[in-house]
Each structure stands twice: as structure tokens, then as C-alpha cells.
Amino acid sequence: MALMWLLPSHWAHVQEISPITCGYSGFFHPLPLRLMDITFCDYQAVDYPTWRALWLDYTGPAAALLTEELHQHTYARVRDDKGTLHGVIAWTDRPVGFAHYYFHPSSYSVHDACTLEDLYVCATARRQGVARALIDWVATRAAAAQAPALNWKTRDTNTSAQALYDSLAVRTGFVAYQMRL
């Protein structure tokens, strides 16, 4: 049975495919006026070529450094119901974005924390509430799991995304480092 949520006119109209895999409890934040009808589904509804096209667009030039084996592995992991990497696809009349997230132990809470690992919206669907809706979809799941917070990071040069993120969350002030091994 599909669920449909009709939200106030300044919020997105969201239609869910399945209450089991895509249950949705509502937005935390009002959305801008220019919106799309957004449907959320899990990765079981998306074939590999469709996801791969979005993934390669998301990874950009770094995609050349990633192997086909890694692409297939990531896709398989996010489709695995028993795995630790979770995902959701945003659809309008076609897939327009995705989010990958995971839960992990936290030394600051008795409950697992939640991290938004990847967030992507295709260029033609940007500035229409899709990214905000994807973040809210993940935040709803994190809250249901009693995660103390939803954490994510972005490139310091991604100022358009930072404008959205600043309206949803607080900058932590931490600087990210990575040691290649």
C-alpha cells in the first residue's frame, strides 16, 4: 500500500512507494516554494545502470580513479537489507538524487550516531527542495533510531550546499582530516 503525504502548500508533496521500506513521518523544516513532487524508495527499486549514472555524475572526475568493481560493490552494499550502509533514492518522473547513510557507535551517546555519507541531486533538480527532502528523510530515520544527531560534511568550496546546510544544522567547527593508508 502506498502512502501519500499532503503537506502545507509551502512544503513538498511527498509520495511514498512502500510504508515498510519508505515510511515517512514528515518534514522537520519548511521547504522553498519551487518544488517537485518527490517519491522516495529504497535501492531495490533501482537497477544498477540507473544508479551508476547518478553515482558517476556525483563522483565527477574522481570516478576515473574508482574501479567498476568498487561501483558494483557500493551498489550491492547499499541494496543489502542486512548491511550497514543504507540508501534512499529520490524520484520525480525519474531518479533525481540519492542519499547514503550509516549508523555507528558514538562515545558521546548510548545510542548509535548517524552519518550522512553521500548526498547527490542531479543538476536539473537542484534548488527545488530535493536535497532538503533527502536530508529530512535520513534525519527522520536517525531520530526514529534515537541517534543523538545527524552528521555530515561537505567540501569547503561547495558554498551553494552550505547555504542549505546552514539553514538545517549547526556548523561544528571541526576540520576534517584524512590519512591515506
Protein backbone atom coordinates (compact mmCIF):
# COMPACT_ATOMS: atom_id res chain seq x y z
CA MET A 1 0.00 0.00 0.00
CA ALA A 2 1.40 3.39 -0.95
CA LEU A 3 1.37 6.28 1.48
CA MET A 4 0.84 9.83 0.35
CA TRP A 5 1.56 12.84 2.48
CA LEU A 6 -0.04 16.16 1.61
CA LEU A 7 1.83 18.84 3.45
CA PRO A 8 1.12 22.57 3.76
CA SER A 9 1.44 24.43 0.48
CA HIS A 10 4.92 25.74 1.32
CA TRP A 11 6.16 22.20 1.94
CA ALA A 12 6.86 19.41 -0.52
CA HIS A 13 4.22 16.96 -1.65
CA VAL A 14 5.77 13.59 -0.95
CA GLN A 15 4.52 10.24 -2.17
CA GLU A 16 5.99 7.05 -0.77
CA ILE A 17 6.22 3.74 -2.59
CA SER A 18 6.09 1.46 0.43
CA PRO A 19 5.35 2.19 4.09
CA ILE A 20 7.73 -0.61 5.05
CA THR A 21 10.80 0.45 3.10
CA CYS A 22 9.97 4.12 2.69
CA GLY A 23 7.89 5.12 5.71
CA TYR A 24 7.93 8.87 6.18
CA SER A 25 6.81 10.90 9.17
CA GLY A 26 7.07 14.42 7.83
CA PHE A 27 9.48 17.26 7.33
CA PHE A 28 11.42 18.97 10.08
CA HIS A 29 11.79 22.16 8.04
CA PRO A 30 9.58 24.09 5.61
CA LEU A 31 10.78 23.98 2.02
CA PRO A 32 11.10 26.76 -0.55
CA LEU A 33 8.15 27.48 -2.83
CA ARG A 34 9.59 25.99 -6.05
CA LEU A 35 9.19 22.26 -5.55
CA MET A 36 8.86 18.94 -7.27
CA ASP A 37 6.65 16.01 -6.34
CA ILE A 38 9.15 13.68 -4.69
CA THR A 39 8.85 9.94 -4.24
CA PHE A 40 11.30 8.07 -2.01
CA CYS A 41 12.22 4.43 -2.48
CA ASP A 42 14.91 2.06 -1.40
CA TYR A 43 17.55 0.65 -3.70
CA GLN A 44 15.53 -2.47 -4.52
CA ALA A 45 13.55 -0.29 -6.95
CA VAL A 46 16.63 0.97 -8.83
CA ASP A 47 18.65 -1.05 -11.30
CA TYR A 48 22.42 -0.81 -11.43
CA PRO A 49 22.73 1.20 -14.70
CA THR A 50 20.31 3.84 -13.40
CA TRP A 51 22.12 4.17 -10.07
CA ARG A 52 25.55 4.07 -11.75
CA ALA A 53 24.66 7.05 -13.96
CA LEU A 54 23.75 9.11 -10.87
CA TRP A 55 26.80 7.82 -8.97
CA LEU A 56 29.25 8.71 -11.75
CA ASP A 57 27.75 12.19 -12.03
CA TYR A 58 28.09 12.57 -8.24
CA THR A 59 31.69 11.36 -8.08
CA GLY A 60 32.68 13.55 -11.04
CA PRO A 61 36.35 13.47 -12.02
CA ALA A 62 37.12 11.13 -9.09
CA ALA A 63 35.10 8.45 -10.90
CA ALA A 64 38.10 7.88 -13.16
CA LEU A 65 40.05 6.78 -10.08
CA LEU A 66 37.37 4.35 -8.93
CA THR A 67 37.10 0.87 -10.40
CA GLU A 68 33.98 -0.73 -11.82
CA GLU A 69 34.36 -3.33 -9.08
CA LEU A 70 34.09 -0.59 -6.45
CA HIS A 71 30.97 0.88 -8.11
CA GLN A 72 29.31 -2.55 -8.11
CA HIS A 73 30.39 -3.18 -4.51
CA THR A 74 28.93 0.13 -3.30
CA TYR A 75 25.66 -0.56 -5.12
CA ALA A 76 25.46 -4.07 -3.64
CA ARG A 77 26.22 -2.81 -0.12
CA VAL A 78 23.52 -0.17 -0.18
CA ARG A 79 20.99 -2.74 -1.50
CA ASP A 80 21.82 -5.26 1.24
CA ASP A 81 18.98 -5.14 3.79
CA LYS A 82 21.29 -6.60 6.44
CA GLY A 83 24.19 -4.28 5.65
CA THR A 84 25.31 -1.17 7.48
CA LEU A 85 25.28 1.24 4.53
CA HIS A 86 21.74 2.41 3.80
CA GLY A 87 20.35 4.40 0.92
CA VAL A 88 17.33 6.15 -0.45
CA ILE A 89 16.56 7.33 -3.98
CA ALA A 90 14.54 10.48 -4.71
CA TRP A 91 12.28 10.27 -7.77
CA THR A 92 10.20 12.77 -9.64
CA ASP A 93 9.38 11.43 -13.09
CA ARG A 94 12.82 9.75 -12.93
CA PRO A 95 15.54 9.24 -10.29
CA VAL A 96 16.93 12.68 -9.40
CA GLY A 97 19.08 12.06 -6.35
CA PHE A 98 20.20 9.78 -3.56
CA ALA A 99 21.48 9.70 -0.03
CA HIS A 100 23.73 7.10 1.61
CA TYR A 101 23.93 6.95 5.40
CA TYR A 102 25.03 4.67 8.21
CA PHE A 103 24.70 4.25 11.97
CA HIS A 104 27.79 3.80 14.14
CA PRO A 105 28.78 3.76 17.81
CA SER A 106 29.33 7.09 19.49
CA SER A 107 31.47 7.80 22.52
CA TYR A 108 29.11 10.70 23.32
CA SER A 109 25.80 8.82 23.44
CA VAL A 110 24.35 5.47 24.47
CA HIS A 111 22.65 5.39 21.06
CA ASP A 112 24.36 4.99 17.71
CA ALA A 113 25.11 8.18 15.81
CA CYS A 114 24.06 8.62 12.19
CA THR A 115 26.27 9.94 9.41
CA LEU A 116 25.11 11.09 6.00
CA GLU A 117 27.88 9.73 3.80
CA ASP A 118 26.77 10.82 0.32
CA LEU A 119 24.13 13.26 -0.86
CA TYR A 120 23.51 13.93 -4.52
CA VAL A 121 20.86 15.72 -6.56
CA CYS A 122 21.19 15.89 -10.35
CA ALA A 123 21.71 19.37 -11.77
CA THR A 124 18.23 19.63 -13.32
CA ALA A 125 16.55 19.00 -9.95
CA ARG A 126 18.63 21.33 -7.77
CA ARG A 127 17.11 24.24 -5.86
CA GLN A 128 13.72 22.54 -5.85
CA GLY A 129 13.71 21.01 -2.37
CA VAL A 130 15.14 17.59 -3.26
CA ALA A 131 18.33 17.83 -1.18
CA ARG A 132 16.43 19.19 1.80
CA ALA A 133 13.86 16.40 1.47
CA LEU A 134 16.60 13.73 1.26
CA ILE A 135 18.31 15.12 4.37
CA ASP A 136 15.00 15.21 6.18
CA TRP A 137 14.22 11.64 5.11
CA VAL A 138 17.52 10.46 6.63
CA ALA A 139 17.02 12.66 9.72
CA THR A 140 13.62 11.05 10.28
CA ARG A 141 15.23 7.62 10.29
CA ALA A 142 18.04 8.78 12.57
CA ALA A 143 15.53 10.25 15.02
CA ALA A 144 13.49 7.02 14.96
CA ALA A 145 16.68 5.12 15.88
CA GLN A 146 17.30 7.61 18.71
CA ALA A 147 20.53 8.86 17.16
CA PRO A 148 21.69 11.95 19.04
CA ALA A 149 22.35 13.82 15.79
CA LEU A 150 22.73 13.50 12.05
CA ASN A 151 26.26 14.40 10.99
CA TRP A 152 27.69 15.17 7.57
CA LYS A 153 30.43 17.16 5.92
CA THR A 154 30.86 18.91 2.61
CA ARG A 155 33.64 20.41 0.59
CA ASP A 156 34.67 23.87 1.74
CA THR A 157 34.15 25.07 -1.85
CA ASN A 158 30.55 23.82 -2.04
CA THR A 159 29.00 27.13 -0.99
CA SER A 160 25.57 26.52 -2.53
CA ALA A 161 25.15 23.33 -0.47
CA GLN A 162 26.49 25.11 2.62
CA ALA A 163 23.72 27.71 2.31
CA LEU A 164 21.16 24.92 2.60
CA TYR A 165 23.07 23.09 5.35
CA ASP A 166 23.39 26.30 7.38
CA SER A 167 19.58 26.53 7.37
CA LEU A 168 19.22 22.96 8.66
CA ALA A 169 22.09 22.33 11.04
CA VAL A 170 24.86 23.92 13.07
CA ARG A 171 28.44 24.00 11.85
CA THR A 172 30.52 22.04 14.30
CA GLY A 173 33.73 23.96 13.86
CA PHE A 174 35.69 20.75 13.31
CA VAL A 175 38.09 20.40 10.41
CA ALA A 176 38.18 17.01 8.67
CA TYR A 177 41.45 15.20 8.01
CA GLN A 178 42.22 12.05 6.11
CA MET A 179 45.35 9.94 6.27
CA ARG A 180 45.66 7.77 3.17
CA LEU A 181 46.76 4.25 4.01
